[in-house]
């Protein structure tokens, strides 16, 4: 089991001072994560989503972090591939350069972005993006490996050119795909890509999605491979806040998830702006439950199927609480088939001190617990 931290640059206060503080604190958290023995850092890419995510230039954030760390892996989770957002030549060049300067620590995730708000920023219709994403994901590893590239596709046209530099990792960094539904996990597995479930799924839902992914990977057609080698790996979102005071951790975690769910619903589904008032853990849980009931009622009225992908953000069954509580939840994710836990702590209302305390507990107690399990199993 690997342990990583995922950054959204999410915030309540969107002033310049708050933005700057959020990024400075995120860098401090990354450095402490390496010190505490975590395995990776991932940064999302979102555009024009006020409060929900100000991480619009992850390549810059990750490069800055890579220059101050020595061991921890640096992950794009993910690069959005519509050509006007990120042209495949520029993606290949940036990823290869980061891989060189980090001495081979890059993980390369790909996706399309999740909202019309983002797609429209670059002049796209979200519903029309997938063919562009498919063309680009097959092209980028070729650019990173071949001496010269020439491509005349439906959405991308590149005359014969040499593209530099080439990555540090041979033949290129491992590739991942953002996944939220069975369909996308099936696609990732069938194309030999690592899967990244970026959400609030329960361990039971994770087990179902894991089965879909593993089956698709096992039955994949080698001709459909994206990149030059398969990467069977399932990284799973794991919201987590840990404290010696379990009630305090649950209150902070539930409040953060409440803000996260409301912020994403505002941009994805036209809901109200997120609430930021504090309350007890039970009161936050009740507010999340009401929001879930309202979402289900809306989906039923619109005759849209109610799936776990639509309601998982309201699931509070996560690693909030004491170190023992967190270990118990992560063990369920491990049993469900997760290869890596993408630790989500940087939710809008969660204070920097709570994230640093959680990282300390991860390094001192939680990760050693799993490392010792691994050693006993190997013995």
Protein backbone atom coordinates (compact mmCIF):
# COMPACT_ATOMS: atom_id res chain seq x y z
CA UNK A 1 0.00 0.00 0.00
CA UNK A 2 1.29 3.45 -0.99
CA UNK A 3 0.28 6.72 0.65
CA UNK A 4 0.02 10.01 -1.22
CA UNK A 5 -1.45 13.49 -0.76
CA UNK A 6 -3.74 15.10 -3.34
CA UNK A 7 -3.93 18.90 -3.66
CA UNK A 8 -6.84 20.94 -5.04
CA UNK A 9 -5.80 24.42 -3.76
CA UNK A 10 -9.31 24.71 -2.33
CA UNK A 11 -10.21 27.72 -0.18
CA UNK A 12 -13.05 29.61 1.49
CA UNK A 13 -11.56 33.10 1.22
CA UNK A 14 -10.59 33.81 -2.41
CA UNK A 15 -8.64 37.02 -1.79
CA UNK A 16 -5.12 37.26 -3.21
CA UNK A 17 -3.68 36.95 0.28
CA UNK A 18 -5.64 33.77 0.93
CA UNK A 19 -4.67 32.28 -2.43
CA UNK A 20 -1.03 32.93 -1.72
CA UNK A 21 -1.25 31.50 1.79
CA UNK A 22 -2.99 28.36 0.48
CA UNK A 23 -0.17 27.65 -1.97
CA UNK A 24 2.57 28.39 0.56
CA UNK A 25 0.90 26.07 3.08
CA UNK A 26 0.50 23.36 0.41
CA UNK A 27 4.25 23.47 -0.27
CA UNK A 28 4.96 23.21 3.46
CA UNK A 29 2.61 20.21 3.63
CA UNK A 30 4.42 18.55 0.70
CA UNK A 31 7.81 18.92 2.37
CA UNK A 32 6.46 17.53 5.63
CA UNK A 33 4.79 14.66 3.74
CA UNK A 34 8.19 13.60 2.42
CA UNK A 35 9.68 13.88 5.91
CA UNK A 36 6.86 11.71 7.29
CA UNK A 37 7.50 8.94 4.78
CA UNK A 38 4.61 9.41 2.35
CA UNK A 39 5.14 8.06 -1.15
CA UNK A 40 3.65 10.69 -3.44
CA UNK A 41 2.21 14.12 -4.11
CA UNK A 42 -0.54 14.61 -6.69
CA UNK A 43 -1.95 17.89 -8.02
CA UNK A 44 -5.23 18.23 -9.89
CA UNK A 45 -5.88 20.59 -12.81
CA UNK A 46 -9.01 22.72 -12.77
CA UNK A 47 -9.91 26.05 -14.34
CA UNK A 48 -12.39 28.81 -13.45
CA UNK A 49 -13.82 26.98 -10.40
CA UNK A 50 -13.73 29.61 -7.65
CA UNK A 51 -13.28 28.12 -4.15
CA UNK A 52 -13.46 24.52 -5.39
CA UNK A 53 -9.99 24.49 -6.96
CA UNK A 54 -7.44 27.18 -7.76
CA UNK A 55 -4.89 24.58 -8.93
CA UNK A 56 -4.88 25.71 -12.57
CA UNK A 57 -1.14 25.34 -13.22
CA UNK A 58 -0.12 22.06 -11.55
CA UNK A 59 3.00 21.82 -13.72
CA UNK A 60 4.36 24.92 -11.96
CA UNK A 61 3.33 23.79 -8.48
CA UNK A 62 4.80 20.31 -8.96
CA UNK A 63 8.05 21.65 -10.41
CA UNK A 64 8.45 23.97 -7.41
CA UNK A 65 7.86 21.07 -5.01
CA UNK A 66 10.13 18.72 -6.95
CA UNK A 67 12.98 21.20 -6.59
CA UNK A 68 12.68 21.10 -2.79
CA UNK A 69 12.24 17.35 -2.32
CA UNK A 70 14.50 14.35 -2.94
CA UNK A 71 12.49 11.14 -2.76
CA UNK A 72 8.73 11.59 -2.92
CA UNK A 73 7.01 10.98 -6.28
CA UNK A 74 5.45 13.90 -8.15
CA UNK A 75 2.08 13.22 -9.79
CA UNK A 76 -0.15 14.96 -12.30
CA UNK A 77 -3.59 13.91 -11.16
CA UNK A 78 -4.42 14.78 -13.91
CA UNK A 79 -3.38 16.82 -16.96
CA UNK A 80 -6.50 17.89 -18.90
CA UNK A 81 -5.94 16.93 -22.54
CA UNK A 82 -8.24 19.10 -24.70
CA UNK A 83 -5.66 20.52 -27.15
CA UNK A 84 -6.46 24.19 -26.46
CA UNK A 85 -6.02 23.53 -22.74
CA UNK A 86 -2.84 21.52 -23.10
CA UNK A 87 -1.47 20.76 -26.56
CA UNK A 88 0.04 17.25 -26.64
CA UNK A 89 3.47 18.55 -27.70
CA UNK A 90 3.57 20.92 -24.71
CA UNK A 91 2.37 18.17 -22.36
CA UNK A 92 5.12 15.81 -23.56
CA UNK A 93 7.76 18.53 -23.21
CA UNK A 94 6.65 19.62 -19.74
CA UNK A 95 6.29 16.10 -18.34
CA UNK A 96 9.67 15.03 -19.71
CA UNK A 97 11.39 18.13 -18.31
CA UNK A 98 9.84 17.60 -14.87
CA UNK A 99 10.85 13.94 -15.00
CA UNK A 100 14.46 14.88 -15.75
CA UNK A 101 14.70 17.54 -13.04
CA UNK A 102 13.07 15.26 -10.45
CA UNK A 103 15.36 12.39 -11.52
CA UNK A 104 12.53 10.10 -12.56
CA UNK A 105 9.88 10.77 -9.92
CA UNK A 106 6.94 11.71 -12.18
CA UNK A 107 3.58 9.94 -12.36
CA UNK A 108 1.55 11.10 -15.37
CA UNK A 109 -2.23 11.12 -15.08
CA UNK A 110 -4.57 12.16 -17.89
CA UNK A 111 -8.20 13.28 -18.11
CA UNK A 112 -10.55 15.81 -19.65
CA UNK A 113 -11.82 18.01 -16.80
CA UNK A 114 -15.25 17.64 -15.31
CA UNK A 115 -17.40 20.69 -16.01
CA UNK A 116 -18.77 22.78 -18.84
CA UNK A 117 -17.49 25.77 -16.87
CA UNK A 118 -13.94 24.56 -17.56
CA UNK A 119 -14.49 23.28 -21.09
CA UNK A 120 -16.24 26.51 -22.08
CA UNK A 121 -13.34 28.56 -20.81
CA UNK A 122 -11.34 27.16 -23.73
CA UNK A 123 -14.19 27.23 -26.24
CA UNK A 124 -15.28 23.58 -25.95
CA UNK A 125 -18.49 21.69 -25.36
CA UNK A 126 -17.79 19.17 -22.59
CA UNK A 127 -19.90 16.51 -24.32
CA UNK A 128 -17.68 16.66 -27.41
CA UNK A 129 -14.27 16.32 -25.72
CA UNK A 130 -13.74 12.56 -25.42
CA UNK A 131 -12.52 11.91 -29.00
CA UNK A 132 -9.91 14.67 -28.53
CA UNK A 133 -8.79 13.15 -25.24
CA UNK A 134 -8.47 9.70 -26.82
CA UNK A 135 -6.39 11.04 -29.72
CA UNK A 136 -4.10 12.98 -27.41
CA UNK A 137 -3.55 10.20 -24.84
CA UNK A 138 -2.31 7.81 -27.52
CA UNK A 139 -0.12 10.49 -29.10
CA UNK A 140 1.73 11.91 -26.07
CA UNK A 141 3.79 8.79 -25.17
CA UNK A 142 4.84 8.51 -28.81
CA UNK A 143 6.07 12.10 -28.69
CA UNK A 144 8.05 11.30 -25.52
CA UNK A 145 9.71 8.25 -27.07
CA UNK A 146 10.12 8.66 -30.84
CA UNK A 147 12.98 10.74 -32.28
CA UNK A 148 10.58 12.58 -34.55
CA UNK A 149 6.80 12.77 -34.59
CA UNK A 150 4.31 13.38 -37.38
CA UNK A 151 0.58 13.18 -36.79
CA UNK A 152 -2.41 14.12 -38.92
CA UNK A 153 -5.49 13.26 -36.89
CA UNK A 154 -9.07 14.40 -36.58
CA UNK A 155 -8.36 16.97 -33.87
CA UNK A 156 -4.57 17.33 -33.80
CA UNK A 157 -2.20 18.02 -36.68
CA UNK A 158 1.59 18.02 -36.20
CA UNK A 159 4.09 18.20 -39.09
CA UNK A 160 7.21 16.05 -38.78
CA UNK A 161 9.26 17.51 -35.96
CA UNK A 162 11.85 16.43 -33.37
CA UNK A 163 10.45 17.12 -29.89
CA UNK A 164 12.75 17.53 -26.88
CA UNK A 165 13.58 16.59 -24.18
CA UNK A 166 12.95 12.89 -23.57
CA UNK A 167 11.96 11.66 -20.08
CA UNK A 168 14.33 10.36 -17.42
CA UNK A 169 12.21 7.23 -16.89
CA UNK A 170 12.47 4.65 -19.65
CA UNK A 171 10.59 4.69 -21.93
CA UNK A 172 8.33 7.28 -20.21
CA UNK A 173 6.65 7.89 -16.81
CA UNK A 174 3.86 5.50 -15.75
CA UNK A 175 0.47 6.65 -17.02
CA UNK A 176 -2.83 6.90 -15.14
CA UNK A 177 -6.37 7.90 -16.01
CA UNK A 178 -8.89 9.77 -13.85
CA UNK A 179 -11.92 7.54 -13.20
CA UNK A 180 -15.22 8.13 -11.43
CA UNK A 181 -17.55 5.52 -12.95
CA UNK A 182 -17.43 1.89 -13.97
CA UNK A 183 -17.23 2.94 -17.62
CA UNK A 184 -14.08 5.01 -17.15
CA UNK A 185 -12.43 2.31 -15.01
CA UNK A 186 -13.23 -0.21 -17.72
CA UNK A 187 -11.59 2.09 -20.25
CA UNK A 188 -8.49 2.58 -18.10
CA UNK A 189 -8.09 -1.16 -17.56
CA UNK A 190 -8.68 -2.06 -21.20
CA UNK A 191 -6.01 0.46 -22.26
CA UNK A 192 -3.45 -0.71 -19.71
CA UNK A 193 -3.54 2.48 -17.66
CA UNK A 194 -3.46 2.94 -13.92
CA UNK A 195 -6.83 3.97 -12.51
CA UNK A 196 -7.32 6.95 -10.21
CA UNK A 197 -10.66 7.03 -8.35
CA UNK A 198 -10.79 10.66 -7.29
CA UNK A 199 -13.80 10.81 -5.02
CA UNK A 200 -15.49 9.86 -1.76
CA UNK A 201 -16.36 6.23 -2.47
CA UNK A 202 -16.89 3.84 0.41
CA UNK A 203 -14.65 0.75 0.69
CA UNK A 204 -17.58 -1.36 -0.51
CA UNK A 205 -18.02 0.79 -3.63
CA UNK A 206 -14.25 0.71 -4.14
CA UNK A 207 -14.31 -3.09 -4.12
CA UNK A 208 -16.94 -3.11 -6.87
CA UNK A 209 -14.97 -0.64 -8.98
CA UNK A 210 -11.76 -2.57 -8.35
CA UNK A 211 -13.36 -5.72 -9.73
CA UNK A 212 -14.39 -3.86 -12.89
CA UNK A 213 -10.89 -2.43 -13.34
CA UNK A 214 -9.01 -5.70 -12.72
CA UNK A 215 -11.27 -7.64 -15.09
CA UNK A 216 -10.83 -5.07 -17.86
CA UNK A 217 -7.08 -5.02 -17.32
CA UNK A 218 -6.79 -8.82 -17.39
CA UNK A 219 -8.86 -9.08 -20.59
CA UNK A 220 -7.33 -6.09 -22.40
CA UNK A 221 -6.24 -6.21 -26.03
CA UNK A 222 -2.51 -5.33 -26.24
CA UNK A 223 -3.27 -3.41 -29.43
CA UNK A 224 -5.32 -0.93 -27.34
CA UNK A 225 -2.40 -0.16 -25.00
CA UNK A 226 -1.84 3.55 -24.28
CA UNK A 227 1.88 4.11 -23.96
CA UNK A 228 4.68 1.61 -24.24
CA UNK A 229 3.96 -0.55 -21.18
CA UNK A 230 0.97 -1.53 -19.02
CA UNK A 231 0.54 -0.03 -15.56
CA UNK A 232 -1.83 -2.07 -13.39
CA UNK A 233 -2.43 0.20 -10.40
CA UNK A 234 -5.51 1.45 -8.59
CA UNK A 235 -5.15 4.69 -6.62
CA UNK A 236 -8.18 5.49 -4.49
CA UNK A 237 -9.31 8.74 -2.88
CA UNK A 238 -9.09 8.62 0.91
CA UNK A 239 -10.43 11.70 2.74
CA UNK A 240 -8.61 11.82 6.06
CA UNK A 241 -8.26 14.01 9.14
CA UNK A 242 -6.56 12.48 12.18
CA UNK A 243 -6.14 13.71 15.74
CA UNK A 244 -5.72 12.24 19.20
CA UNK A 245 -9.11 13.87 19.78
CA UNK A 246 -11.35 11.79 17.51
CA UNK A 247 -14.38 14.09 17.87
CA UNK A 248 -12.27 17.09 16.82
CA UNK A 249 -10.99 15.20 13.76
CA UNK A 250 -14.50 14.18 12.72
CA UNK A 251 -15.79 17.72 13.15
CA UNK A 252 -13.00 19.15 11.00
CA UNK A 253 -13.27 16.36 8.43
CA UNK A 254 -17.05 16.47 8.12
CA UNK A 255 -17.00 20.25 7.82
CA UNK A 256 -14.31 20.07 5.13
CA UNK A 257 -16.20 17.43 3.18
CA UNK A 258 -19.42 19.43 3.50
CA UNK A 259 -17.65 22.43 1.95
CA UNK A 260 -16.08 20.23 -0.76
CA UNK A 261 -19.43 18.68 -1.69
CA UNK A 262 -21.22 22.02 -1.79
CA UNK A 263 -18.43 23.67 -3.80
CA UNK A 264 -18.42 20.91 -6.40
CA UNK A 265 -22.22 20.88 -6.54
CA UNK A 266 -22.23 24.65 -7.15
CA UNK A 267 -20.09 24.26 -10.29
CA UNK A 268 -21.21 20.83 -11.45
CA UNK A 269 -24.89 21.01 -10.62
CA UNK A 270 -25.96 24.61 -10.06
CA UNK A 271 -26.36 24.33 -6.29
CA UNK A 272 -25.86 27.17 -3.79
CA UNK A 273 -22.41 28.38 -2.78
CA UNK A 274 -20.83 26.37 0.05
CA UNK A 275 -21.54 27.14 3.69
CA UNK A 276 -18.61 27.75 5.98
CA UNK A 277 -20.08 28.02 9.49
CA UNK A 278 -18.74 25.63 12.10
CA UNK A 279 -20.86 23.14 14.02
CA UNK A 280 -20.56 19.82 15.78
CA UNK A 281 -19.65 16.68 13.86
CA UNK A 282 -23.25 15.47 14.14
CA UNK A 283 -24.62 18.74 12.79
CA UNK A 284 -22.23 18.66 9.81
CA UNK A 285 -23.21 15.04 9.17
CA UNK A 286 -26.89 15.97 9.24
CA UNK A 287 -26.30 18.81 6.75
CA UNK A 288 -24.50 16.42 4.42
CA UNK A 289 -27.38 13.94 4.73
CA UNK A 290 -29.91 16.65 3.79
CA UNK A 291 -27.82 17.60 0.78
CA UNK A 292 -27.73 13.98 -0.34
CA UNK A 293 -31.51 13.66 0.00
CA UNK A 294 -32.00 16.85 -2.06
CA UNK A 295 -29.66 15.52 -4.77
CA UNK A 296 -31.46 12.17 -4.95
CA UNK A 297 -34.83 13.95 -5.15
CA UNK A 298 -33.54 16.13 -8.01
CA UNK A 299 -32.16 13.12 -9.90
CA UNK A 300 -35.42 11.23 -9.49
CA UNK A 301 -37.44 14.23 -10.68
CA UNK A 302 -35.15 14.60 -13.71
CA UNK A 303 -35.37 10.84 -14.34
CA UNK A 304 -31.59 10.52 -14.03
CA UNK A 305 -30.31 7.23 -12.53
CA UNK A 306 -29.12 7.57 -8.94
CA UNK A 307 -25.63 6.04 -8.94
CA UNK A 308 -22.80 5.99 -6.41
CA UNK A 309 -20.89 8.36 -8.72
CA UNK A 310 -23.63 10.95 -8.14
CA UNK A 311 -23.95 10.48 -4.37
CA UNK A 312 -20.49 9.35 -3.16
CA UNK A 313 -19.49 12.91 -2.22
CA UNK A 314 -22.08 12.70 0.60
CA UNK A 315 -20.60 9.52 2.06
CA UNK A 316 -18.90 10.30 5.40
CA UNK A 317 -17.44 6.82 5.94
CA UNK A 318 -13.81 7.88 5.76
CA UNK A 319 -10.58 8.04 7.76
CA UNK A 320 -11.74 10.77 10.15
CA UNK A 321 -10.91 10.28 13.81
CA UNK A 322 -8.06 8.85 15.87
CA UNK A 323 -5.10 7.02 14.32
CA UNK A 324 -6.85 3.73 15.15
CA UNK A 325 -10.00 4.92 13.35
CA UNK A 326 -7.97 5.86 10.28
CA UNK A 327 -6.10 2.55 10.24
CA UNK A 328 -9.39 0.63 10.37
CA UNK A 329 -10.79 2.59 7.41
CA UNK A 330 -7.61 2.28 5.34
CA UNK A 331 -7.47 -1.45 6.00
CA UNK A 332 -10.94 -1.69 4.43
CA UNK A 333 -9.66 0.18 1.36
CA UNK A 334 -6.66 -2.15 1.23
CA UNK A 335 -8.97 -5.17 1.37
CA UNK A 336 -11.10 -3.58 -1.38
CA UNK A 337 -8.10 -3.68 -3.74
CA UNK A 338 -6.53 -0.23 -3.44
CA UNK A 339 -2.83 -0.09 -4.32
CA UNK A 340 -2.52 3.53 -3.21
CA UNK A 341 -4.46 5.87 -0.95
CA UNK A 342 -4.81 9.40 -2.33
CA UNK A 343 -5.09 11.29 0.94
CA UNK A 344 -7.51 14.21 0.60
CA UNK A 345 -7.03 16.69 3.43
CA UNK A 346 -6.88 20.04 1.64
CA UNK A 347 -10.64 20.69 1.73
CA UNK A 348 -11.64 24.36 1.93
CA UNK A 349 -12.37 24.77 5.64
CA UNK A 350 -9.65 22.43 6.97
CA UNK A 351 -6.95 24.49 8.73
CA UNK A 352 -3.28 24.06 7.91
CA UNK A 353 -2.55 22.90 11.47
CA UNK A 354 -5.03 20.01 11.15
CA UNK A 355 -3.36 18.85 7.93
CA UNK A 356 0.09 18.99 9.50
CA UNK A 357 -1.19 17.03 12.53
CA UNK A 358 -2.70 14.43 10.21
CA UNK A 359 0.60 14.10 8.33
CA UNK A 360 2.40 13.63 11.65
CA UNK A 361 0.06 10.80 12.65
CA UNK A 362 0.49 9.23 9.21
CA UNK A 363 4.25 9.26 9.58
CA UNK A 364 4.46 8.22 13.22
CA UNK A 365 1.68 5.62 13.48
CA UNK A 366 -0.43 4.86 10.42
CA UNK A 367 2.17 4.23 7.71
CA UNK A 368 4.44 2.22 10.07
CA UNK A 369 1.44 0.01 10.86
CA UNK A 370 1.05 -0.89 7.18
CA UNK A 371 4.78 -1.20 6.54
CA UNK A 372 5.04 -3.65 9.43
CA UNK A 373 2.12 -5.62 7.99
CA UNK A 374 3.96 -5.78 4.66
CA UNK A 375 7.13 -7.01 6.32
CA UNK A 376 5.27 -9.69 8.26
CA UNK A 377 3.51 -10.82 5.11
CA UNK A 378 6.81 -11.00 3.22
CA UNK A 379 8.40 -12.99 6.04
